[in-house]
C-alpha atoms as a PDB file:
ATOM      1  CA  LEU A   1     186.213  56.057  18.687  1.00  0.00           C
ATOM      2  CA  GLU A   2     185.699  52.452  16.354  1.00  0.00           C
ATOM      3  CA  THR A   3     181.837  53.771  16.464  1.00  0.00           C
ATOM      4  CA  ALA A   4     182.869  57.705  15.491  1.00  0.00           C
ATOM      5  CA  ARG A   5     184.655  56.373  11.810  1.00  0.00           C
ATOM      6  CA  ALA A   6     181.749  53.533  11.145  1.00  0.00           C
ATOM      7  CA  LEU A   7     178.573  56.886  11.640  1.00  0.00           C
ATOM      8  CA  ALA A   8     180.897  59.786   9.930  1.00  0.00           C
ATOM      9  CA  ALA A   9     181.012  56.688   7.479  1.00  0.00           C
ATOM     10  CA  LEU A  10     176.924  56.863   6.397  1.00  0.00           C
ATOM     11  CA  PRO A  11     176.069  60.053   4.346  1.00  0.00           C
ATOM     12  CA  GLY A  12     173.927  62.686   5.630  1.00  0.00           C
ATOM     13  CA  LEU A  13     175.440  62.161   9.242  1.00  0.00           C
ATOM     14  CA  ARG A  14     177.390  65.125  10.874  1.00  0.00           C
ATOM     15  CA  VAL A  15     179.973  62.788  13.333  1.00  0.00           C
ATOM     16  CA  GLY A  16     182.555  63.981  15.921  1.00  0.00           C
ATOM     17  CA  PHE A  17     184.222  62.470  18.438  1.00  0.00           C
ATOM     18  CA  ARG A  18     185.721  64.053  21.945  1.00  0.00           C
ATOM     19  CA  ARG A  19     188.051  62.053  24.270  1.00  0.00           C
ATOM     20  CA  VAL A  20     188.540  63.299  28.256  1.00  0.00           C
ATOM     21  CA  GLU A  21     191.211  61.675  29.833  1.00  0.00           C
ATOM     22  CA  GLY A  22     190.655  60.955  33.700  1.00  0.00           C
ATOM     23  CA  GLU A  23     186.673  60.815  33.377  1.00  0.00           C
ATOM     24  CA  THR A  24     184.903  57.413  33.444  1.00  0.00           C
ATOM     25  CA  HIS A  25     181.616  56.359  31.452  1.00  0.00           C
ATOM     26  CA  GLY A  26     179.530  57.168  34.679  1.00  0.00           C
ATOM     27  CA  SER A  27     181.042  60.829  35.434  1.00  0.00           C
ATOM     28  CA  MET A  28     180.746  62.087  31.465  1.00  0.00           C
ATOM     29  CA  VAL A  29     176.805  62.042  32.367  1.00  0.00           C
ATOM     30  CA  PRO A  30     176.155  65.536  32.685  1.00  0.00           C
ATOM     31  CA  ALA A  31     178.648  66.386  30.597  1.00  0.00           C
ATOM     32  CA  ALA A  32     176.937  64.345  27.757  1.00  0.00           C
ATOM     33  CA  VAL A  33     173.267  65.561  28.814  1.00  0.00           C
ATOM     34  CA  ALA A  34     174.551  69.293  27.928  1.00  0.00           C
ATOM     35  CA  ASP A  35     176.383  68.287  24.406  1.00  0.00           C
ATOM     36  CA  ALA A  36     172.673  66.900  23.593  1.00  0.00           C
ATOM     37  CA  LEU A  37     171.179  69.925  24.737  1.00  0.00           C
ATOM     38  CA  ALA A  38     173.304  72.198  23.216  1.00  0.00           C
ATOM     39  CA  LEU A  39     172.889  69.723  19.621  1.00  0.00           C
ATOM     40  CA  ALA A  40     168.877  69.781  20.449  1.00  0.00           C
ATOM     41  CA  SER A  41     169.271  73.284  20.007  1.00  0.00           C
ATOM     42  CA  GLY A  42     171.112  73.734  17.390  1.00  0.00           C
ATOM     43  CA  ARG A  43     174.470  75.128  18.482  1.00  0.00           C
ATOM     44  CA  MET A  44     178.169  73.211  18.695  1.00  0.00           C
ATOM     45  CA  PRO A  45     178.505  71.468  22.115  1.00  0.00           C
ATOM     46  CA  ALA A  46     181.378  73.453  23.989  1.00  0.00           C
ATOM     47  CA  GLY A  47     185.001  71.819  23.316  1.00  0.00           C
ATOM     48  CA  SER A  48     184.160  70.858  19.514  1.00  0.00           C
ATOM     49  CA  PRO A  49     186.545  71.818  17.345  1.00  0.00           C
ATOM     50  CA  PRO A  50     185.519  74.053  14.656  1.00  0.00           C
ATOM     51  CA  THR A  51     183.952  73.163  11.385  1.00  0.00           C
END
């Protein structure tokens, strides 16, 4: 959360943070890849808050 806040303070960046209870750093890899692919294709990741 601290990193997201620091990045959000930089001009020109859109930053999001989503805590997923019950997941570990390793178990989040598939979800992180899916989010990265969505962002790379210009879409918002599933579960993102509306902007």
